[in-house]
Amino acid sequence: MTLIATEYKYIQLDERSIPIISGTTMKVVELITSIKAYHWSPQELHENYPHLSLSQIHSALAYYWDHQETIDADMERREQYAERLQTEAGESPLSKKLRAQGLI
């Protein structure tokens, strides 16, 4: 994979211009999703992602705040994609069986 340096010390862009935290395979959008889902602070992010340094986390946060509109749009696109897949998949056979037995 070819990575392109950015003005953010710990952020690189992959060949599709997706921001990745340097030295990892974690996308900035994945870190931001954790913040939005769990309301984690930078320290809590570090506790839950110990492979990331606080410097990497803060660099990712700075990148997010400078590119918020683009990353928020990416998160929205991902959410719509997941919802579409869930709708297309329908109810699982196990769920149907449990529902028929009155267990859910």
PDB file of N, CA and C in Angstrom:
ATOM      1  N   MET A   1       0.842  -1.167   0.000  1.00  0.00           N
ATOM      2  CA  MET A   1       0.000   0.000   0.000  1.00  0.00           C
ATOM      3  C   MET A   1       0.891   1.234   0.000  1.00  0.00           C
ATOM      4  N   THR A   2       0.594   2.169  -0.853  1.00  0.00           N
ATOM      5  CA  THR A   2       1.320   3.427  -0.931  1.00  0.00           C
ATOM      6  C   THR A   2       0.659   4.433  -0.001  1.00  0.00           C
ATOM      7  N   LEU A   3       1.457   5.070   0.865  1.00  0.00           N
ATOM      8  CA  LEU A   3       0.932   6.070   1.786  1.00  0.00           C
ATOM      9  C   LEU A   3       1.552   7.418   1.479  1.00  0.00           C
ATOM     10  N   ILE A   4       0.754   8.462   1.621  1.00  0.00           N
ATOM     11  CA  ILE A   4       1.193   9.826   1.356  1.00  0.00           C
ATOM     12  C   ILE A   4       1.202  10.595   2.671  1.00  0.00           C
ATOM     13  N   ALA A   5       2.306  11.257   2.979  1.00  0.00           N
ATOM     14  CA  ALA A   5       2.421  12.040   4.208  1.00  0.00           C
ATOM     15  C   ALA A   5       1.485  13.242   4.151  1.00  0.00           C
ATOM     16  N   THR A   6       1.043  13.677   5.318  1.00  0.00           N
ATOM     17  CA  THR A   6       0.212  14.875   5.442  1.00  0.00           C
ATOM     18  C   THR A   6       0.918  15.843   6.376  1.00  0.00           C
ATOM     19  N   GLU A   7       0.323  17.000   6.617  1.00  0.00           N
ATOM     20  CA  GLU A   7       0.914  17.953   7.554  1.00  0.00           C
ATOM     21  C   GLU A   7       0.667  17.534   9.003  1.00  0.00           C
ATOM     22  N   TYR A   8      -0.077  16.457   9.195  1.00  0.00           N
ATOM     23  CA  TYR A   8      -0.337  15.910  10.521  1.00  0.00           C
ATOM     24  C   TYR A   8       0.667  14.787  10.749  1.00  0.00           C
ATOM     25  N   LYS A   9       1.458  14.900  11.799  1.00  0.00           N
ATOM     26  CA  LYS A   9       2.586  14.002  12.021  1.00  0.00           C
ATOM     27  C   LYS A   9       2.206  12.524  11.948  1.00  0.00           C
ATOM     28  N   TYR A  10       1.069  12.151  12.487  1.00  0.00           N
ATOM     29  CA  TYR A  10       0.714  10.739  12.574  1.00  0.00           C
ATOM     30  C   TYR A  10      -0.421  10.332  11.623  1.00  0.00           C
ATOM     31  N   ILE A  11      -0.664  11.117  10.611  1.00  0.00           N
ATOM     32  CA  ILE A  11      -1.728  10.803   9.663  1.00  0.00           C
ATOM     33  C   ILE A  11      -1.152  10.708   8.261  1.00  0.00           C
ATOM     34  N   GLN A  12      -1.512   9.629   7.569  1.00  0.00           N
ATOM     35  CA  GLN A  12      -1.128   9.444   6.173  1.00  0.00           C
ATOM     36  C   GLN A  12      -2.385   9.148   5.375  1.00  0.00           C
ATOM     37  N   LEU A  13      -2.331   9.424   4.083  1.00  0.00           N
ATOM     38  CA  LEU A  13      -3.440   9.104   3.191  1.00  0.00           C
ATOM     39  C   LEU A  13      -3.076   7.862   2.387  1.00  0.00           C
ATOM     40  N   ASP A  14      -4.030   6.931   2.288  1.00  0.00           N
ATOM     41  CA  ASP A  14      -3.756   5.757   1.467  1.00  0.00           C
ATOM     42  C   ASP A  14      -3.993   6.110  -0.004  1.00  0.00           C
ATOM     43  N   GLU A  15      -3.907   5.121  -0.864  1.00  0.00           N
ATOM     44  CA  GLU A  15      -4.028   5.385  -2.306  1.00  0.00           C
ATOM     45  C   GLU A  15      -5.406   5.896  -2.703  1.00  0.00           C
ATOM     46  N   ARG A  16      -6.391   5.733  -1.835  1.00  0.00           N
ATOM     47  CA  ARG A  16      -7.740   6.261  -2.109  1.00  0.00           C
ATOM     48  C   ARG A  16      -7.995   7.560  -1.352  1.00  0.00           C
ATOM     49  N   SER A  17      -6.921   8.146  -0.785  1.00  0.00           N
ATOM     50  CA  SER A  17      -6.978   9.401  -0.014  1.00  0.00           C
ATOM     51  C   SER A  17      -7.764   9.257   1.290  1.00  0.00           C
ATOM     52  N   ILE A  18      -7.774   8.061   1.836  1.00  0.00           N
ATOM     53  CA  ILE A  18      -8.420   7.820   3.125  1.00  0.00           C
ATOM     54  C   ILE A  18      -7.368   8.024   4.217  1.00  0.00           C
ATOM     55  N   PRO A  19      -7.656   8.888   5.207  1.00  0.00           N
ATOM     56  CA  PRO A  19      -6.677   9.139   6.266  1.00  0.00           C
ATOM     57  C   PRO A  19      -6.542   7.943   7.207  1.00  0.00           C
ATOM     58  N   ILE A  20      -5.300   7.515   7.401  1.00  0.00           N
ATOM     59  CA  ILE A  20      -4.955   6.359   8.233  1.00  0.00           C
ATOM     60  C   ILE A  20      -3.981   6.840   9.308  1.00  0.00           C
ATOM     61  N   ILE A  21      -4.099   6.286  10.494  1.00  0.00           N
ATOM     62  CA  ILE A  21      -3.160   6.616  11.562  1.00  0.00           C
ATOM     63  C   ILE A  21      -1.850   5.886  11.278  1.00  0.00           C
ATOM     64  N   SER A  22      -0.768   6.638  11.171  1.00  0.00           N
ATOM     65  CA  SER A  22       0.547   6.102  10.802  1.00  0.00           C
ATOM     66  C   SER A  22       0.944   4.917  11.676  1.00  0.00           C
ATOM     67  N   GLY A  23       1.515   3.910  11.041  1.00  0.00           N
ATOM     68  CA  GLY A  23       1.995   2.732  11.747  1.00  0.00           C
ATOM     69  C   GLY A  23       0.897   1.751  12.117  1.00  0.00           C
ATOM     70  N   THR A  24      -0.329   2.026  11.677  1.00  0.00           N
ATOM     71  CA  THR A  24      -1.462   1.152  11.965  1.00  0.00           C
ATOM     72  C   THR A  24      -2.273   0.963  10.686  1.00  0.00           C
ATOM     73  N   THR A  25      -3.316   0.187  10.802  1.00  0.00           N
ATOM     74  CA  THR A  25      -4.276   0.068   9.702  1.00  0.00           C
ATOM     75  C   THR A  25      -5.577   0.793  10.052  1.00  0.00           C
ATOM     76  N   MET A  26      -5.570   1.519  11.181  1.00  0.00           N
ATOM     77  CA  MET A  26      -6.791   2.183  11.646  1.00  0.00           C
ATOM     78  C   MET A  26      -7.029   3.482  10.900  1.00  0.00           C
ATOM     79  N   LYS A  27      -8.244   3.606  10.392  1.00  0.00           N
ATOM     80  CA  LYS A  27      -8.660   4.821   9.711  1.00  0.00           C
ATOM     81  C   LYS A  27      -9.097   5.859  10.753  1.00  0.00           C
ATOM     82  N   VAL A  28      -8.901   7.121  10.428  1.00  0.00           N
ATOM     83  CA  VAL A  28      -9.335   8.198  11.319  1.00  0.00           C
ATOM     84  C   VAL A  28     -10.835   8.087  11.564  1.00  0.00           C
ATOM     85  N   VAL A  29     -11.595   7.767  10.538  1.00  0.00           N
ATOM     86  CA  VAL A  29     -13.049   7.666  10.677  1.00  0.00           C
ATOM     87  C   VAL A  29     -13.437   6.596  11.700  1.00  0.00           C
ATOM     88  N   GLU A  30     -12.651   5.532  11.815  1.00  0.00           N
ATOM     89  CA  GLU A  30     -12.950   4.485  12.798  1.00  0.00           C
ATOM     90  C   GLU A  30     -12.752   5.001  14.223  1.00  0.00           C
ATOM     91  N   LEU A  31     -11.734   5.801  14.425  1.00  0.00           N
ATOM     92  CA  LEU A  31     -11.491   6.377  15.751  1.00  0.00           C
ATOM     93  C   LEU A  31     -12.612   7.347  16.106  1.00  0.00           C
ATOM     94  N   ILE A  32     -13.004   8.167  15.165  1.00  0.00           N
ATOM     95  CA  ILE A  32     -14.068   9.147  15.401  1.00  0.00           C
ATOM     96  C   ILE A  32     -15.397   8.444  15.659  1.00  0.00           C
ATOM     97  N   THR A  33     -15.640   7.343  14.986  1.00  0.00           N
ATOM     98  CA  THR A  33     -16.862   6.570  15.218  1.00  0.00           C
ATOM     99  C   THR A  33     -16.922   6.102  16.672  1.00  0.00           C
ATOM    100  N   SER A  34     -15.780   5.695  17.228  1.00  0.00           N
ATOM    101  CA  SER A  34     -15.734   5.276  18.635  1.00  0.00           C
ATOM    102  C   SER A  34     -16.065   6.434  19.570  1.00  0.00           C
ATOM    103  N   ILE A  35     -15.591   7.609  19.244  1.00  0.00           N
ATOM    104  CA  ILE A  35     -15.891   8.790  20.062  1.00  0.00           C
ATOM    105  C   ILE A  35     -17.397   9.066  20.045  1.00  0.00           C
ATOM    106  N   LYS A  36     -17.968   9.041  18.859  1.00  0.00           N
ATOM    107  CA  LYS A  36     -19.388   9.350  18.728  1.00  0.00           C
ATOM    108  C   LYS A  36     -20.263   8.272  19.363  1.00  0.00           C
ATOM    109  N   ALA A  37     -19.865   7.013  19.244  1.00  0.00           N
ATOM    110  CA  ALA A  37     -20.668   5.917  19.785  1.00  0.00           C
ATOM    111  C   ALA A  37     -20.577   5.819  21.301  1.00  0.00           C
ATOM    112  N   TYR A  38     -19.367   5.991  21.841  1.00  0.00           N
ATOM    113  CA  TYR A  38     -19.143   5.745  23.267  1.00  0.00           C
ATOM    114  C   TYR A  38     -18.815   6.999  24.078  1.00  0.00           C
ATOM    115  N   HIS A  39     -18.659   8.136  23.393  1.00  0.00           N
ATOM    116  CA  HIS A  39     -18.315   9.403  24.061  1.00  0.00           C
ATOM    117  C   HIS A  39     -16.996   9.292  24.826  1.00  0.00           C
ATOM    118  N   TRP A  40     -16.045   8.573  24.236  1.00  0.00           N
ATOM    119  CA  TRP A  40     -14.749   8.382  24.878  1.00  0.00           C
ATOM    120  C   TRP A  40     -13.880   9.622  24.755  1.00  0.00           C
ATOM    121  N   SER A  41     -13.136   9.900  25.795  1.00  0.00           N
ATOM    122  CA  SER A  41     -12.126  10.960  25.802  1.00  0.00           C
ATOM    123  C   SER A  41     -10.869  10.415  25.125  1.00  0.00           C
ATOM    124  N   PRO A  42      -9.888  11.271  24.818  1.00  0.00           N
ATOM    125  CA  PRO A  42      -8.630  10.760  24.262  1.00  0.00           C
ATOM    126  C   PRO A  42      -7.984   9.697  25.154  1.00  0.00           C
ATOM    127  N   GLN A  43      -8.041   9.901  26.471  1.00  0.00           N
ATOM    128  CA  GLN A  43      -7.459   8.911  27.385  1.00  0.00           C
ATOM    129  C   GLN A  43      -8.209   7.576  27.301  1.00  0.00           C
ATOM    130  N   GLU A  44      -9.528   7.640  27.214  1.00  0.00           N
ATOM    131  CA  GLU A  44     -10.322   6.406  27.094  1.00  0.00           C
ATOM    132  C   GLU A  44     -10.062   5.723  25.757  1.00  0.00           C
ATOM    133  N   LEU A  45      -9.867   6.510  24.714  1.00  0.00           N
ATOM    134  CA  LEU A  45      -9.496   5.919  23.422  1.00  0.00           C
ATOM    135  C   LEU A  45      -8.185   5.158  23.558  1.00  0.00           C
ATOM    136  N   HIS A  46      -7.223   5.772  24.240  1.00  0.00           N
ATOM    137  CA  HIS A  46      -5.924   5.141  24.440  1.00  0.00           C
ATOM    138  C   HIS A  46      -6.055   3.846  25.251  1.00  0.00           C
ATOM    139  N   GLU A  47      -6.915   3.851  26.251  1.00  0.00           N
ATOM    140  CA  GLU A  47      -7.136   2.645  27.060  1.00  0.00           C
ATOM    141  C   GLU A  47      -7.774   1.531  26.228  1.00  0.00           C
ATOM    142  N   ASN A  48      -8.653   1.905  25.301  1.00  0.00           N
ATOM    143  CA  ASN A  48      -9.347   0.910  24.490  1.00  0.00           C
ATOM    144  C   ASN A  48      -8.590   0.538  23.219  1.00  0.00           C
ATOM    145  N   TYR A  49      -7.689   1.389  22.807  1.00  0.00           N
ATOM    146  CA  TYR A  49      -6.826   1.118  21.649  1.00  0.00           C
ATOM    147  C   TYR A  49      -5.379   1.315  22.099  1.00  0.00           C
ATOM    148  N   PRO A  50      -4.865   0.421  22.937  1.00  0.00           N
ATOM    149  CA  PRO A  50      -3.525   0.625  23.504  1.00  0.00           C
ATOM    150  C   PRO A  50      -2.405   0.618  22.469  1.00  0.00           C
ATOM    151  N   HIS A  51      -2.703   0.145  21.263  1.00  0.00           N
ATOM    152  CA  HIS A  51      -1.685   0.178  20.206  1.00  0.00           C
ATOM    153  C   HIS A  51      -1.510   1.588  19.640  1.00  0.00           C
ATOM    154  N   LEU A  52      -2.406   2.519  20.015  1.00  0.00           N
ATOM    155  CA  LEU A  52      -2.290   3.915  19.584  1.00  0.00           C
ATOM    156  C   LEU A  52      -1.699   4.753  20.717  1.00  0.00           C
ATOM    157  N   SER A  53      -0.753   5.603  20.380  1.00  0.00           N
ATOM    158  CA  SER A  53      -0.222   6.528  21.377  1.00  0.00           C
ATOM    159  C   SER A  53      -1.175   7.716  21.504  1.00  0.00           C
ATOM    160  N   LEU A  54      -1.071   8.423  22.595  1.00  0.00           N
ATOM    161  CA  LEU A  54      -1.888   9.628  22.747  1.00  0.00           C
ATOM    162  C   LEU A  54      -1.548  10.650  21.662  1.00  0.00           C
ATOM    163  N   SER A  55      -0.298  10.687  21.237  1.00  0.00           N
ATOM    164  CA  SER A  55       0.085  11.594  20.144  1.00  0.00           C
ATOM    165  C   SER A  55      -0.645  11.222  18.857  1.00  0.00           C
ATOM    166  N   GLN A  56      -0.732   9.946  18.551  1.00  0.00           N
ATOM    167  CA  GLN A  56      -1.458   9.504  17.355  1.00  0.00           C
ATOM    168  C   GLN A  56      -2.934   9.872  17.461  1.00  0.00           C
ATOM    169  N   ILE A  57      -3.506   9.658  18.635  1.00  0.00           N
ATOM    170  CA  ILE A  57      -4.923   9.973  18.849  1.00  0.00           C
ATOM    171  C   ILE A  57      -5.171  11.465  18.681  1.00  0.00           C
ATOM    172  N   HIS A  58      -4.344  12.300  19.283  1.00  0.00           N
ATOM    173  CA  HIS A  58      -4.540  13.744  19.166  1.00  0.00           C
ATOM    174  C   HIS A  58      -4.307  14.231  17.731  1.00  0.00           C
ATOM    175  N   SER A  59      -3.390  13.618  17.032  1.00  0.00           N
ATOM    176  CA  SER A  59      -3.167  13.974  15.633  1.00  0.00           C
ATOM    177  C   SER A  59      -4.411  13.623  14.805  1.00  0.00           C
ATOM    178  N   ALA A  60      -4.991  12.459  15.080  1.00  0.00           N
ATOM    179  CA  ALA A  60      -6.217  12.050  14.382  1.00  0.00           C
ATOM    180  C   ALA A  60      -7.369  13.002  14.698  1.00  0.00           C
ATOM    181  N   LEU A  61      -7.457  13.424  15.952  1.00  0.00           N
ATOM    182  CA  LEU A  61      -8.513  14.372  16.332  1.00  0.00           C
ATOM    183  C   LEU A  61      -8.318  15.715  15.632  1.00  0.00           C
ATOM    184  N   ALA A  62      -7.085  16.182  15.566  1.00  0.00           N
ATOM    185  CA  ALA A  62      -6.810  17.444  14.864  1.00  0.00           C
ATOM    186  C   ALA A  62      -7.188  17.316  13.389  1.00  0.00           C
ATOM    187  N   TYR A  63      -6.829  16.186  12.797  1.00  0.00           N
ATOM    188  CA  TYR A  63      -7.178  15.963  11.389  1.00  0.00           C
ATOM    189  C   TYR A  63      -8.701  15.984  11.223  1.00  0.00           C
ATOM    190  N   TYR A  64      -9.404  15.325  12.133  1.00  0.00           N
ATOM    191  CA  TYR A  64     -10.864  15.294  12.057  1.00  0.00           C
ATOM    192  C   TYR A  64     -11.448  16.697  12.119  1.00  0.00           C
ATOM    193  N   TRP A  65     -11.025  17.497  13.091  1.00  0.00           N
ATOM    194  CA  TRP A  65     -11.605  18.830  13.235  1.00  0.00           C
ATOM    195  C   TRP A  65     -11.310  19.709  12.018  1.00  0.00           C
ATOM    196  N   ASP A  66     -10.202  19.480  11.364  1.00  0.00           N
ATOM    197  CA  ASP A  66      -9.885  20.251  10.160  1.00  0.00           C
ATOM    198  C   ASP A  66     -10.585  19.716   8.910  1.00  0.00           C
ATOM    199  N   HIS A  67     -11.109  18.500   8.977  1.00  0.00           N
ATOM    200  CA  HIS A  67     -11.767  17.858   7.833  1.00  0.00           C
ATOM    201  C   HIS A  67     -13.117  17.260   8.245  1.00  0.00           C
ATOM    202  N   GLN A  68     -13.762  17.883   9.206  1.00  0.00           N
ATOM    203  CA  GLN A  68     -14.978  17.336   9.807  1.00  0.00           C
ATOM    204  C   GLN A  68     -16.075  17.053   8.785  1.00  0.00           C
ATOM    205  N   GLU A  69     -16.317  17.957   7.885  1.00  0.00           N
ATOM    206  CA  GLU A  69     -17.403  17.781   6.920  1.00  0.00           C
ATOM    207  C   GLU A  69     -17.204  16.520   6.080  1.00  0.00           C
ATOM    208  N   THR A  70     -15.995  16.311   5.598  1.00  0.00           N
ATOM    209  CA  THR A  70     -15.691  15.150   4.766  1.00  0.00           C
ATOM    210  C   THR A  70     -15.811  13.852   5.563  1.00  0.00           C
ATOM    211  N   ILE A  71     -15.273  13.836   6.779  1.00  0.00           N
ATOM    212  CA  ILE A  71     -15.306  12.612   7.588  1.00  0.00           C
ATOM    213  C   ILE A  71     -16.720  12.320   8.070  1.00  0.00           C
ATOM    214  N   ASP A  72     -17.471  13.345   8.446  1.00  0.00           N
ATOM    215  CA  ASP A  72     -18.865  13.130   8.834  1.00  0.00           C
ATOM    216  C   ASP A  72     -19.675  12.560   7.669  1.00  0.00           C
ATOM    217  N   ALA A  73     -19.419  13.049   6.464  1.00  0.00           N
ATOM    218  CA  ALA A  73     -20.114  12.518   5.280  1.00  0.00           C
ATOM    219  C   ALA A  73     -19.733  11.047   5.061  1.00  0.00           C
ATOM    220  N   ASP A  74     -18.475  10.701   5.301  1.00  0.00           N
ATOM    221  CA  ASP A  74     -18.034   9.315   5.175  1.00  0.00           C
ATOM    222  C   ASP A  74     -18.745   8.435   6.202  1.00  0.00           C
ATOM    223  N   MET A  75     -18.874   8.918   7.434  1.00  0.00           N
ATOM    224  CA  MET A  75     -19.574   8.151   8.469  1.00  0.00           C
ATOM    225  C   MET A  75     -21.046   7.949   8.093  1.00  0.00           C
ATOM    226  N   GLU A  76     -21.665   8.973   7.554  1.00  0.00           N
ATOM    227  CA  GLU A  76     -23.063   8.873   7.124  1.00  0.00           C
ATOM    228  C   GLU A  76     -23.206   7.847   5.995  1.00  0.00           C
ATOM    229  N   ARG A  77     -22.278   7.878   5.045  1.00  0.00           N
ATOM    230  CA  ARG A  77     -22.306   6.917   3.943  1.00  0.00           C
ATOM    231  C   ARG A  77     -22.165   5.498   4.469  1.00  0.00           C
ATOM    232  N   ARG A  78     -21.265   5.290   5.422  1.00  0.00           N
ATOM    233  CA  ARG A  78     -21.053   3.962   6.016  1.00  0.00           C
ATOM    234  C   ARG A  78     -22.313   3.485   6.746  1.00  0.00           C
ATOM    235  N   GLU A  79     -22.969   4.397   7.469  1.00  0.00           N
ATOM    236  CA  GLU A  79     -24.183   4.038   8.201  1.00  0.00           C
ATOM    237  C   GLU A  79     -25.305   3.648   7.239  1.00  0.00           C
ATOM    238  N   GLN A  80     -25.470   4.410   6.176  1.00  0.00           N
ATOM    239  CA  GLN A  80     -26.494   4.087   5.182  1.00  0.00           C
ATOM    240  C   GLN A  80     -26.209   2.750   4.516  1.00  0.00           C
ATOM    241  N   TYR A  81     -24.943   2.473   4.226  1.00  0.00           N
ATOM    242  CA  TYR A  81     -24.553   1.196   3.626  1.00  0.00           C
ATOM    243  C   TYR A  81     -24.896   0.035   4.560  1.00  0.00           C
ATOM    244  N   ALA A  82     -24.580   0.172   5.845  1.00  0.00           N
ATOM    245  CA  ALA A  82     -24.872  -0.880   6.827  1.00  0.00           C
ATOM    246  C   ALA A  82     -26.378  -1.100   6.956  1.00  0.00           C
ATOM    247  N   GLU A  83     -27.140  -0.021   6.982  1.00  0.00           N
ATOM    248  CA  GLU A  83     -28.600  -0.139   7.069  1.00  0.00           C
ATOM    249  C   GLU A  83     -29.163  -0.837   5.840  1.00  0.00           C
ATOM    250  N   ARG A  84     -28.629  -0.498   4.664  1.00  0.00           N
ATOM    251  CA  ARG A  84     -29.096  -1.136   3.434  1.00  0.00           C
ATOM    252  C   ARG A  84     -28.803  -2.636   3.456  1.00  0.00           C
ATOM    253  N   LEU A  85     -27.604  -3.003   3.885  1.00  0.00           N
ATOM    254  CA  LEU A  85     -27.254  -4.418   3.964  1.00  0.00           C
ATOM    255  C   LEU A  85     -28.144  -5.160   4.952  1.00  0.00           C
ATOM    256  N   GLN A  86     -28.439  -4.527   6.086  1.00  0.00           N
ATOM    257  CA  GLN A  86     -29.299  -5.150   7.084  1.00  0.00           C
ATOM    258  C   GLN A  86     -30.709  -5.359   6.535  1.00  0.00           C
ATOM    259  N   THR A  87     -31.215  -4.371   5.822  1.00  0.00           N
ATOM    260  CA  THR A  87     -32.539  -4.482   5.224  1.00  0.00           C
ATOM    261  C   THR A  87     -32.565  -5.586   4.173  1.00  0.00           C
ATOM    262  N   GLU A  88     -31.540  -5.624   3.325  1.00  0.00           N
ATOM    263  CA  GLU A  88     -31.472  -6.642   2.278  1.00  0.00           C
ATOM    264  C   GLU A  88     -31.341  -8.048   2.855  1.00  0.00           C
ATOM    265  N   ALA A  89     -30.633  -8.188   3.966  1.00  0.00           N
ATOM    266  CA  ALA A  89     -30.416  -9.503   4.570  1.00  0.00           C
ATOM    267  C   ALA A  89     -31.690 -10.029   5.228  1.00  0.00           C
ATOM    268  N   GLY A  90     -32.508  -9.133   5.730  1.00  0.00           N
ATOM    269  CA  GLY A  90     -33.731  -9.558   6.395  1.00  0.00           C
ATOM    270  C   GLY A  90     -33.445 -10.226   7.724  1.00  0.00           C
ATOM    271  N   GLU A  91     -34.472 -10.807   8.284  1.00  0.00           N
ATOM    272  CA  GLU A  91     -34.345 -11.461   9.586  1.00  0.00           C
ATOM    273  C   GLU A  91     -33.621 -12.794   9.439  1.00  0.00           C
ATOM    274  N   SER A  92     -32.753 -13.072  10.382  1.00  0.00           N
ATOM    275  CA  SER A  92     -31.988 -14.320  10.327  1.00  0.00           C
ATOM    276  C   SER A  92     -32.894 -15.503  10.652  1.00  0.00           C
ATOM    277  N   PRO A  93     -32.543 -16.706  10.155  1.00  0.00           N
ATOM    278  CA  PRO A  93     -33.334 -17.897  10.473  1.00  0.00           C
ATOM    279  C   PRO A  93     -33.431 -18.139  11.988  1.00  0.00           C
ATOM    280  N   LEU A  94     -32.353 -17.872  12.721  1.00  0.00           N
ATOM    281  CA  LEU A  94     -32.389 -18.055  14.165  1.00  0.00           C
ATOM    282  C   LEU A  94     -33.385 -17.097  14.807  1.00  0.00           C
ATOM    283  N   SER A  95     -33.371 -15.848  14.389  1.00  0.00           N
ATOM    284  CA  SER A  95     -34.331 -14.880  14.930  1.00  0.00           C
ATOM    285  C   SER A  95     -35.756 -15.308  14.635  1.00  0.00           C
ATOM    286  N   LYS A  96     -36.003 -15.773  13.420  1.00  0.00           N
ATOM    287  CA  LYS A  96     -37.348 -16.236  13.056  1.00  0.00           C
ATOM    288  C   LYS A  96     -37.790 -17.389  13.953  1.00  0.00           C
ATOM    289  N   LYS A  97     -36.890 -18.341  14.187  1.00  0.00           N
ATOM    290  CA  LYS A  97     -37.202 -19.506  15.019  1.00  0.00           C
ATOM    291  C   LYS A  97     -37.499 -19.075  16.457  1.00  0.00           C
ATOM    292  N   LEU A  98     -36.656 -18.196  17.009  1.00  0.00           N
ATOM    293  CA  LEU A  98     -36.869 -17.719  18.375  1.00  0.00           C
ATOM    294  C   LEU A  98     -38.154 -16.920  18.495  1.00  0.00           C
ATOM    295  N   ARG A  99     -38.456 -16.107  17.476  1.00  0.00           N
ATOM    296  CA  ARG A  99     -39.681 -15.321  17.477  1.00  0.00           C
ATOM    297  C   ARG A  99     -40.896 -16.245  17.433  1.00  0.00           C
ATOM    298  N   ALA A 100     -40.826 -17.292  16.601  1.00  0.00           N
ATOM    299  CA  ALA A 100     -41.935 -18.251  16.502  1.00  0.00           C
ATOM    300  C   ALA A 100     -42.157 -18.974  17.832  1.00  0.00           C
ATOM    301  N   GLN A 101     -41.102 -19.164  18.589  1.00  0.00           N
ATOM    302  CA  GLN A 101     -41.221 -19.826  19.897  1.00  0.00           C
ATOM    303  C   GLN A 101     -41.578 -18.843  21.001  1.00  0.00           C
ATOM    304  N   GLY A 102     -41.702 -17.573  20.651  1.00  0.00           N
ATOM    305  CA  GLY A 102     -42.057 -16.545  21.622  1.00  0.00           C
ATOM    306  C   GLY A 102     -40.927 -16.173  22.572  1.00  0.00           C
ATOM    307  N   LEU A 103     -39.678 -16.488  22.155  1.00  0.00           N
ATOM    308  CA  LEU A 103     -38.531 -16.206  23.014  1.00  0.00           C
ATOM    309  C   LEU A 103     -37.961 -14.812  22.807  1.00  0.00           C
ATOM    310  N   ILE A 104     -38.342 -14.164  21.741  1.00  0.00           N
ATOM    311  CA  ILE A 104     -37.930 -12.768  21.523  1.00  0.00           C
ATOM    312  C   ILE A 104     -39.094 -11.971  20.979  1.00  0.00           C
TER     313      ILE A 104
END
